[in-house]
Amino acid sequence: MSITGTKSIFTTMLQDGPFAVGEAPPFLHPFSGETKAWVRSMHGDQLMKTKYRAVRNQIFNFLNIVSFDEVLFLIYKEKSRIKTTESACRLLGNMFGIEGDSQVIDRHLHDYARTADDVVNSLRAKVLAPYSSHIETTNEIETMYNPVDLLLVFFDERFHQKARFEAKRKLVLMSLAGSIDQRERESRIEKKFADFLAFLNEYVWSSSLKIGELDVCYLFSKHSQLDFSCTEVKVLGEEEAAEVELSAGEKLTLAKRRRFNDRGSDIPVYVTIRKKPPAAKVLKLLRKNEKNPATAVDDELGLMAVLNSVSDVKRFLRHLTRSAVQADSFMTLEDISDTLTGGEYSGSATGSSAKTPMLKFFARLGGMRVEFIIHTNRSYLNYIYQRDVAHDEYEVKRIFDTGVAEFLFPADIYHLDMETIRSTQLARFRKQIEEY
């Protein structure tokens, strides 16, 4: 479900609806032609009328006013704006369950604003890197964190249309960041992440290695000319890898591996452990057209493991469940999807490929629910390099195909053709994967 479609729950952000940011703030005369056209746009749409009234009442309650005429008073009277800000921040603190004084609330709002900026900057850094200067946030908006100031920008004629849109966008992203923060505090995700790392270090990884000690190796692989899938892979040591001269269709991939002990044998495993950062969670809410992180973000804790063979994968699973029992917790595997030995992965996420081989499941143990993605060396290399499968390509597809790119950077504000950019970026990442 596209976030820019008719079923978007972020109606106030859409530039083709009644809440669009125009060239001038919404202070037109009630009987002007523009106002009459705006009213006609909602004629017969009772849901949109209800949404408008709800948003209007939220603005009035947030600013403690009874009409839009009072907004101008707040814009130009600093003392009144300061008093309104104190009241509004207290309301937000209570809404997000923040315990503490005004300084504590202020610190959380700073964090929400930083997360909102991180959402845009993360796209500027990778998926939309060549267009970074096009989508850069206006300096004045990026430095703001006060929700009242951001809301008033929307009504302030001194600000350009792009700046006023970015102020509204930042408020929406800050609201999502606040919901995510509240969810993390309620679910104690920081403690669970620490507990998960402690479980791995104490019960899963081999005691022959110190905590954080890794064995460095390289995966030397050859890839098909047809789709750049891995046709052959060999594990090399550092000295062997240093002597390799790569030809076309060959890759040398670093893998720093831990070990686990199964029945007296140390088995190598490359592992990356993830706690999804707030900006990534905000993007996931947008991609799923959701505002509730409890239902949309089910992979807060995750682990990806890469082993030499399918038999090693089976041994790793057996070792995991036994380690959980040693830690005095039963472990159950939920939502299992196994395509390592054949078949196709039926991923539901927009932009995902049915060609992606992996073992994926959620493990419930010790009061946690952790997403596990398990690969063999070959499937991991396909996950990185194969055409229509590579994760870099998937990142591009899911940002564009879900409508998030157009949602955050609408064409009438940023003057970018997202369809063309999608094709350009897919070609760019494919070139980087195969030639570098």
Protein backbone atom coordinates (compact mmCIF):
# COMPACT_ATOMS: atom_id res chain seq x y z
CA MET A 1 0.00 0.00 0.00
CA SER A 2 1.65 3.21 -1.20
CA ILE A 3 2.04 5.97 1.36
CA THR A 4 1.11 8.52 -1.30
CA GLY A 5 -2.09 6.75 -2.38
CA THR A 6 -5.70 7.34 -1.42
CA LYS A 7 -5.36 5.01 1.58
CA SER A 8 -2.39 6.85 3.07
CA ILE A 9 -2.78 7.50 6.78
CA PHE A 10 -0.43 10.49 6.44
CA THR A 11 -3.05 12.63 4.70
CA THR A 12 -1.72 15.92 6.04
CA MET A 13 1.60 15.39 4.23
CA LEU A 14 0.26 14.86 0.71
CA GLN A 15 0.79 17.65 -1.76
CA ASP A 16 -2.24 16.64 -3.86
CA GLY A 17 -4.72 17.01 -1.00
CA PRO A 18 -6.36 19.75 1.08
CA PHE A 19 -3.34 20.01 3.42
CA ALA A 20 -0.84 20.78 0.63
CA VAL A 21 1.77 23.44 1.31
CA GLY A 22 1.17 26.21 -1.23
CA GLU A 23 3.25 29.16 -2.28
CA ALA A 24 1.54 31.26 0.41
CA PRO A 25 0.40 30.32 3.96
CA PRO A 26 -3.29 29.35 4.39
CA PHE A 27 -4.52 32.80 5.45
CA LEU A 28 -6.72 33.60 2.46
CA HIS A 29 -10.00 35.50 2.74
CA PRO A 30 -12.88 33.06 3.39
CA PHE A 31 -14.68 34.21 0.23
CA SER A 32 -11.62 34.27 -2.07
CA GLY A 33 -11.47 32.12 -5.18
CA GLU A 34 -8.65 30.01 -3.72
CA THR A 35 -10.64 29.28 -0.57
CA LYS A 36 -13.74 28.35 -2.55
CA ALA A 37 -11.68 25.97 -4.70
CA TRP A 38 -10.19 24.41 -1.55
CA VAL A 39 -13.69 23.85 -0.11
CA ARG A 40 -14.88 22.31 -3.38
CA SER A 41 -11.94 19.87 -3.29
CA MET A 42 -13.44 18.29 -0.16
CA HIS A 43 -17.05 18.37 -1.36
CA GLY A 44 -18.67 14.99 -0.80
CA ASP A 45 -15.62 13.56 1.01
CA GLN A 46 -16.88 13.28 4.57
CA LEU A 47 -13.75 11.46 5.75
CA MET A 48 -11.51 14.27 4.53
CA LYS A 49 -13.75 16.83 6.24
CA THR A 50 -13.48 14.88 9.49
CA LYS A 51 -9.68 14.69 9.14
CA TYR A 52 -9.50 18.43 8.52
CA ARG A 53 -11.55 19.21 11.64
CA ALA A 54 -9.39 16.84 13.69
CA VAL A 55 -6.16 18.47 12.48
CA ARG A 56 -7.56 21.97 13.01
CA ASN A 57 -8.62 21.11 16.58
CA GLN A 58 -5.20 19.59 17.27
CA ILE A 59 -3.51 22.82 16.15
CA PHE A 60 -5.84 24.95 18.28
CA ASN A 61 -5.34 22.77 21.36
CA PHE A 62 -1.58 22.55 20.85
CA LEU A 63 -1.18 26.33 20.50
CA ASN A 64 -3.94 27.11 23.03
CA ILE A 65 -5.86 29.30 20.58
CA VAL A 66 -9.45 29.39 19.29
CA SER A 67 -8.94 30.64 15.71
CA PHE A 68 -6.26 30.85 13.03
CA ASP A 69 -6.21 34.63 13.46
CA GLU A 70 -4.29 34.11 16.71
CA VAL A 71 -1.49 32.30 14.90
CA LEU A 72 -0.10 35.57 13.55
CA PHE A 73 -0.04 36.94 17.09
CA LEU A 74 2.17 34.01 18.19
CA ILE A 75 4.47 34.43 15.19
CA TYR A 76 5.26 38.05 15.95
CA LYS A 77 4.95 38.16 19.79
CA GLU A 78 7.91 36.38 21.35
CA LYS A 79 6.66 36.44 24.96
CA SER A 80 3.38 34.78 23.99
CA ARG A 81 5.25 32.22 21.91
CA ILE A 82 7.52 31.30 24.83
CA LYS A 83 4.53 30.76 27.11
CA THR A 84 2.79 28.66 24.45
CA THR A 85 5.95 26.60 23.97
CA GLU A 86 6.16 25.74 27.67
CA SER A 87 2.55 24.54 27.67
CA ALA A 88 2.85 22.64 24.37
CA CYS A 89 6.03 20.81 25.41
CA ARG A 90 4.38 19.74 28.66
CA LEU A 91 1.44 18.33 26.66
CA LEU A 92 3.84 16.41 24.39
CA GLY A 93 5.74 15.06 27.38
CA ASN A 94 2.55 13.65 28.85
CA MET A 95 1.42 12.24 25.50
CA PHE A 96 4.67 10.32 24.98
CA GLY A 97 4.88 9.24 28.64
CA ILE A 98 8.09 11.16 29.36
CA GLU A 99 8.76 11.28 33.08
CA GLY A 100 10.72 14.28 34.28
CA ASP A 101 10.86 18.06 34.28
CA SER A 102 10.96 20.45 31.33
CA GLN A 103 14.67 19.79 30.77
CA VAL A 104 14.04 16.06 30.36
CA ILE A 105 11.21 16.72 27.91
CA ASP A 106 13.40 19.19 26.05
CA ARG A 107 16.14 16.59 25.71
CA HIS A 108 13.71 14.07 24.27
CA LEU A 109 12.40 16.63 21.76
CA HIS A 110 15.99 17.30 20.72
CA ASP A 111 16.40 13.57 20.10
CA TYR A 112 13.17 13.40 18.08
CA ALA A 113 14.31 16.32 15.92
CA ARG A 114 17.70 14.67 15.39
CA THR A 115 15.98 11.45 14.33
CA ALA A 116 13.79 13.39 11.89
CA ASP A 117 16.91 14.96 10.37
CA ASP A 118 18.62 11.55 10.29
CA VAL A 119 15.78 10.14 8.16
CA VAL A 120 16.47 12.68 5.42
CA ASN A 121 20.25 12.60 5.83
CA SER A 122 20.39 8.79 5.65
CA LEU A 123 18.73 8.93 2.22
CA ARG A 124 21.07 11.74 1.16
CA ALA A 125 24.04 9.60 2.18
CA LYS A 126 23.17 6.50 0.14
CA VAL A 127 19.97 5.88 -1.81
CA LEU A 128 19.74 9.47 -3.09
CA ALA A 129 23.40 10.44 -2.74
CA PRO A 130 23.82 11.99 -6.23
CA TYR A 131 20.84 14.24 -5.48
CA SER A 132 21.99 15.24 -2.00
CA SER A 133 22.11 18.95 -2.76
CA HIS A 134 18.62 18.83 -4.29
CA ILE A 135 16.99 17.40 -1.17
CA GLU A 136 19.10 19.11 1.50
CA THR A 137 16.91 20.50 4.28
CA THR A 138 16.76 24.27 4.62
CA ASN A 139 19.30 25.37 7.24
CA GLU A 140 16.75 27.20 9.40
CA ILE A 141 14.52 24.11 9.57
CA GLU A 142 17.33 21.66 10.28
CA THR A 143 18.44 23.68 13.31
CA MET A 144 14.92 23.85 14.78
CA TYR A 145 13.71 21.31 17.31
CA ASN A 146 10.91 23.21 19.04
CA PRO A 147 7.55 21.82 17.76
CA VAL A 148 5.81 25.17 18.25
CA ASP A 149 8.40 27.01 16.16
CA LEU A 150 8.14 24.36 13.44
CA LEU A 151 4.35 24.56 13.38
CA LEU A 152 4.39 28.35 13.18
CA VAL A 153 6.77 28.21 10.21
CA PHE A 154 3.97 26.58 8.23
CA PHE A 155 1.90 29.75 8.70
CA ASP A 156 4.75 32.26 8.35
CA GLU A 157 4.83 34.12 5.02
CA ARG A 158 8.49 35.02 5.54
CA PHE A 159 9.46 31.39 4.83
CA HIS A 160 9.66 29.91 1.35
CA GLN A 161 7.28 27.12 0.31
CA LYS A 162 10.07 24.49 0.53
CA ALA A 163 11.00 25.57 4.07
CA ARG A 164 7.35 25.51 5.18
CA PHE A 165 6.90 22.00 3.72
CA GLU A 166 10.07 20.81 5.48
CA ALA A 167 8.85 22.22 8.79
CA LYS A 168 5.62 20.22 8.45
CA ARG A 169 7.55 17.13 7.36
CA LYS A 170 9.87 17.44 10.35
CA LEU A 171 6.89 17.63 12.72
CA VAL A 172 5.44 14.44 11.24
CA LEU A 173 8.77 12.61 11.48
CA MET A 174 9.29 13.87 15.04
CA SER A 175 5.88 12.50 15.98
CA LEU A 176 6.85 9.07 14.64
CA ALA A 177 10.19 9.29 16.47
CA GLY A 178 8.30 10.06 19.69
CA SER A 179 6.06 7.01 19.23
CA ILE A 180 9.11 4.84 18.63
CA ASP A 181 10.89 6.21 21.71
CA GLN A 182 7.81 5.55 23.84
CA ARG A 183 7.62 2.00 22.48
CA GLU A 184 11.32 1.40 23.23
CA ARG A 185 10.95 2.65 26.79
CA GLU A 186 7.87 0.48 27.35
CA SER A 187 9.49 -2.63 25.84
CA ARG A 188 12.88 -1.94 27.49
CA ILE A 189 14.64 -2.58 24.19
CA GLU A 190 18.01 -1.23 25.39
CA LYS A 191 18.12 -3.74 28.24
CA LYS A 192 16.99 -6.57 25.98
CA PHE A 193 19.74 -5.75 23.50
CA ALA A 194 22.34 -5.84 26.28
CA ASP A 195 20.86 -9.11 27.57
CA PHE A 196 20.98 -10.62 24.07
CA LEU A 197 24.66 -9.73 23.66
CA ALA A 198 25.39 -11.17 27.10
CA PHE A 199 23.59 -14.41 26.17
CA LEU A 200 25.64 -14.77 22.99
CA ASN A 201 28.95 -14.11 24.73
CA GLU A 202 28.27 -16.39 27.68
CA TYR A 203 26.48 -19.33 26.07
CA VAL A 204 26.78 -19.27 22.27
CA TRP A 205 30.28 -18.24 21.19
CA SER A 206 33.28 -20.42 21.85
CA SER A 207 35.14 -19.78 25.09
CA SER A 208 38.43 -20.26 23.23
CA LEU A 209 38.05 -16.69 21.90
CA LYS A 210 37.96 -13.52 23.95
CA ILE A 211 34.88 -11.31 23.75
CA GLY A 212 35.13 -9.37 20.51
CA GLU A 213 38.00 -11.50 19.13
CA LEU A 214 37.50 -12.37 15.46
CA ASP A 215 39.19 -14.61 12.90
CA VAL A 216 39.84 -12.67 9.68
CA CYS A 217 39.19 -14.48 6.40
CA TYR A 218 38.08 -13.68 2.84
CA LEU A 219 35.46 -15.23 0.60
CA PHE A 220 36.90 -15.56 -2.91
CA SER A 221 33.97 -16.00 -5.27
CA LYS A 222 33.21 -16.35 -8.97
CA HIS A 223 29.95 -15.04 -10.42
CA SER A 224 27.72 -15.85 -13.37
CA GLN A 225 27.73 -13.49 -16.34
CA LEU A 226 23.97 -14.03 -16.65
CA ASP A 227 22.81 -12.66 -13.28
CA PHE A 228 26.02 -12.28 -11.25
CA SER A 229 24.97 -15.07 -8.87
CA CYS A 230 27.72 -16.91 -7.04
CA THR A 231 28.86 -20.03 -8.90
CA GLU A 232 31.87 -20.88 -6.75
CA VAL A 233 33.22 -19.73 -3.37
CA LYS A 234 36.39 -20.52 -1.45
CA VAL A 235 37.50 -19.38 2.03
CA LEU A 236 40.97 -17.82 2.05
CA GLY A 237 43.28 -16.67 4.81
CA GLU A 238 44.79 -13.18 4.87
CA GLU A 239 48.05 -14.22 3.19
CA GLU A 240 46.25 -16.17 0.44
CA ALA A 241 43.86 -13.28 -0.19
CA ALA A 242 46.74 -10.82 -0.54
CA GLU A 243 48.05 -12.80 -3.53
CA VAL A 244 44.74 -12.88 -5.40
CA GLU A 245 44.42 -10.82 -8.58
CA LEU A 246 40.75 -10.41 -9.40
CA SER A 247 39.42 -10.89 -12.90
CA ALA A 248 36.01 -9.92 -14.29
CA GLY A 249 33.22 -11.72 -12.44
CA GLU A 250 35.34 -12.36 -9.34
CA LYS A 251 34.95 -10.89 -5.85
CA LEU A 252 36.97 -10.91 -2.63
CA THR A 253 34.75 -10.30 0.40
CA LEU A 254 36.02 -9.78 3.95
CA ALA A 255 34.41 -11.87 6.69
CA LYS A 256 35.47 -11.51 10.33
CA ARG A 257 34.24 -14.68 11.99
CA ARG A 258 33.50 -15.87 15.49
CA ARG A 259 33.30 -19.51 16.48
CA PHE A 260 30.85 -21.75 18.30
CA ASN A 261 31.59 -25.19 19.70
CA ASP A 262 29.38 -28.10 18.69
CA ARG A 263 30.24 -31.54 20.07
CA GLY A 264 33.90 -30.68 20.49
CA SER A 265 34.39 -28.93 17.13
CA ASP A 266 34.87 -25.18 16.69
CA ILE A 267 32.80 -24.00 13.74
CA PRO A 268 33.38 -20.54 12.19
CA VAL A 269 30.47 -18.14 11.74
CA TYR A 270 30.38 -14.57 10.46
CA VAL A 271 27.86 -12.62 12.51
CA THR A 272 26.42 -9.14 12.40
CA ILE A 273 24.09 -8.14 15.22
CA ARG A 274 21.62 -5.33 14.73
CA LYS A 275 19.55 -3.03 16.86
CA LYS A 276 17.56 -1.00 14.35
CA PRO A 277 18.25 2.73 14.89
CA PRO A 278 15.32 5.18 15.31
CA ALA A 279 15.69 6.70 11.82
CA ALA A 280 15.47 3.25 10.22
CA LYS A 281 12.34 2.52 12.26
CA VAL A 282 10.76 5.78 11.10
CA LEU A 283 11.45 4.82 7.48
CA LYS A 284 9.90 1.41 8.08
CA LEU A 285 6.74 3.01 9.48
CA LEU A 286 6.55 5.18 6.36
CA ARG A 287 7.12 2.22 4.03
CA LYS A 288 4.36 0.27 5.77
CA ASN A 289 2.02 3.29 5.91
CA GLU A 290 1.77 2.85 9.67
CA LYS A 291 2.05 5.07 12.74
CA ASN A 292 2.10 2.35 15.40
CA PRO A 293 5.61 0.89 15.91
CA ALA A 294 4.19 -1.98 17.97
CA THR A 295 2.55 -3.45 14.86
CA ALA A 296 4.91 -2.30 12.10
CA VAL A 297 8.41 -2.76 13.58
CA ASP A 298 8.74 -6.41 14.58
CA ASP A 299 12.49 -6.75 13.98
CA GLU A 300 13.97 -4.40 16.57
CA LEU A 301 16.60 -7.00 17.50
CA GLY A 302 18.27 -9.00 14.78
CA LEU A 303 21.18 -11.28 14.00
CA MET A 304 22.52 -12.36 10.62
CA ALA A 305 24.86 -15.36 10.56
CA VAL A 306 26.87 -16.76 7.66
CA LEU A 307 28.22 -20.32 7.77
CA ASN A 308 30.23 -22.48 5.40
CA SER A 309 27.51 -25.02 4.58
CA VAL A 310 23.92 -26.08 5.16
CA SER A 311 25.13 -28.76 7.57
CA ASP A 312 26.87 -26.04 9.63
CA VAL A 313 23.61 -24.06 9.60
CA LYS A 314 21.79 -27.05 11.11
CA ARG A 315 24.49 -27.42 13.76
CA PHE A 316 24.22 -23.71 14.58
CA LEU A 317 20.46 -23.98 15.10
CA ARG A 318 20.91 -26.99 17.36
CA HIS A 319 23.60 -25.13 19.30
CA LEU A 320 21.35 -22.06 19.69
CA THR A 321 18.45 -24.00 21.20
CA ARG A 322 20.78 -25.88 23.56
CA SER A 323 22.46 -22.62 24.60
CA ALA A 324 19.06 -21.14 25.46
CA VAL A 325 18.34 -24.10 27.75
CA GLN A 326 21.74 -23.60 29.40
CA ALA A 327 20.69 -19.98 29.99
CA ASP A 328 17.55 -21.36 31.70
CA SER A 329 15.16 -20.37 28.93
CA PHE A 330 13.23 -22.41 26.41
CA MET A 331 13.62 -21.20 22.79
CA THR A 332 10.89 -21.43 20.16
CA LEU A 333 11.32 -20.61 16.47
CA GLU A 334 8.46 -18.64 14.91
CA ASP A 335 7.58 -17.57 11.34
CA ILE A 336 10.18 -19.89 9.81
CA SER A 337 11.07 -19.43 6.13
CA ASP A 338 13.73 -21.79 4.74
CA THR A 339 14.92 -21.48 1.13
CA LEU A 340 18.58 -22.35 1.56
CA THR A 341 18.12 -25.80 0.01
CA GLY A 342 15.79 -24.76 -2.82
CA GLY A 343 12.47 -23.05 -3.45
CA GLU A 344 11.74 -19.35 -3.44
CA TYR A 345 11.39 -16.82 -0.67
CA SER A 346 7.91 -15.32 -0.58
CA GLY A 347 8.76 -12.01 1.08
CA SER A 348 5.87 -9.61 1.65
CA ALA A 349 7.97 -6.44 1.74
CA THR A 350 7.70 -4.16 -1.28
CA GLY A 351 10.86 -4.40 -3.39
CA SER A 352 12.01 -7.76 -2.00
CA SER A 353 13.04 -10.50 -4.41
CA ALA A 354 11.54 -13.98 -4.57
CA LYS A 355 15.00 -15.23 -5.56
CA THR A 356 16.53 -14.52 -2.14
CA PRO A 357 17.73 -17.78 -0.49
CA MET A 358 17.98 -17.70 3.29
CA LEU A 359 16.78 -19.24 6.51
CA LYS A 360 14.72 -16.66 8.36
CA PHE A 361 12.86 -16.96 11.66
CA PHE A 362 12.12 -15.23 14.92
CA ALA A 363 13.53 -16.79 18.08
CA ARG A 364 11.66 -16.22 21.33
CA LEU A 365 13.86 -16.65 24.40
CA GLY A 366 14.58 -14.92 27.68
CA GLY A 367 11.72 -12.46 27.29
CA MET A 368 13.02 -11.37 23.86
CA ARG A 369 11.93 -11.91 20.26
CA VAL A 370 14.94 -11.79 17.95
CA GLU A 371 14.95 -11.97 14.15
CA PHE A 372 17.52 -14.43 12.77
CA ILE A 373 18.65 -14.48 9.14
CA ILE A 374 20.98 -17.38 8.35
CA HIS A 375 23.06 -17.71 5.18
CA THR A 376 25.63 -20.04 3.72
CA ASN A 377 28.67 -18.39 2.14
CA ARG A 378 27.10 -18.69 -1.30
CA SER A 379 23.66 -17.34 -0.38
CA TYR A 380 25.31 -14.47 1.52
CA LEU A 381 27.31 -13.49 -1.55
CA ASN A 382 24.12 -13.60 -3.61
CA TYR A 383 22.50 -11.37 -1.00
CA ILE A 384 25.28 -8.85 -1.62
CA TYR A 385 25.94 -9.18 -5.35
CA GLN A 386 23.25 -11.01 -7.38
CA ARG A 387 21.10 -9.01 -9.79
CA ASP A 388 17.56 -8.32 -8.52
CA VAL A 389 18.60 -9.81 -5.16
CA ALA A 390 21.42 -7.59 -3.85
CA HIS A 391 20.49 -5.66 -0.74
CA ASP A 392 21.69 -2.33 -2.16
CA GLU A 393 19.20 -2.72 -5.02
CA TYR A 394 16.48 -3.75 -2.57
CA GLU A 395 17.06 -0.58 -0.55
CA VAL A 396 16.49 1.53 -3.66
CA LYS A 397 13.37 -0.38 -4.71
CA ARG A 398 11.65 -0.25 -1.34
CA ILE A 399 12.19 3.51 -0.94
CA PHE A 400 10.77 4.28 -4.38
CA ASP A 401 8.17 1.52 -4.84
CA THR A 402 6.47 2.21 -1.50
CA GLY A 403 6.17 5.88 -2.39
CA VAL A 404 8.44 7.07 0.45
CA ALA A 405 10.75 9.01 -1.88
CA GLU A 406 7.85 10.95 -3.41
CA PHE A 407 6.28 11.37 0.03
CA LEU A 408 9.37 12.97 1.55
CA PHE A 409 10.42 14.88 -1.56
CA PRO A 410 7.29 15.74 -3.61
CA ALA A 411 7.85 16.81 -7.20
CA ASP A 412 6.22 20.23 -6.93
CA ILE A 413 8.63 21.16 -4.12
CA TYR A 414 11.88 19.47 -5.17
CA HIS A 415 11.35 19.21 -8.94
CA LEU A 416 12.74 15.68 -9.19
CA ASP A 417 11.46 12.84 -11.40
CA MET A 418 11.47 9.89 -9.00
CA GLU A 419 10.81 7.27 -11.70
CA THR A 420 13.90 8.36 -13.62
CA ILE A 421 15.97 8.57 -10.43
CA ARG A 422 14.89 5.04 -9.44
CA SER A 423 16.20 3.61 -12.73
CA THR A 424 19.38 5.68 -12.53
CA GLN A 425 20.14 4.61 -8.99
CA LEU A 426 19.51 0.92 -9.67
CA ALA A 427 21.94 1.10 -12.60
CA ARG A 428 24.44 3.00 -10.46
CA PHE A 429 24.41 0.46 -7.63
CA ARG A 430 24.58 -2.42 -10.10
CA LYS A 431 27.70 -0.89 -11.68
CA GLN A 432 29.30 -0.40 -8.27
CA ILE A 433 28.55 -4.02 -7.29
CA GLU A 434 29.95 -5.61 -10.44
CA GLU A 435 32.86 -3.32 -11.28
CA TYR A 436 34.36 -2.36 -7.93
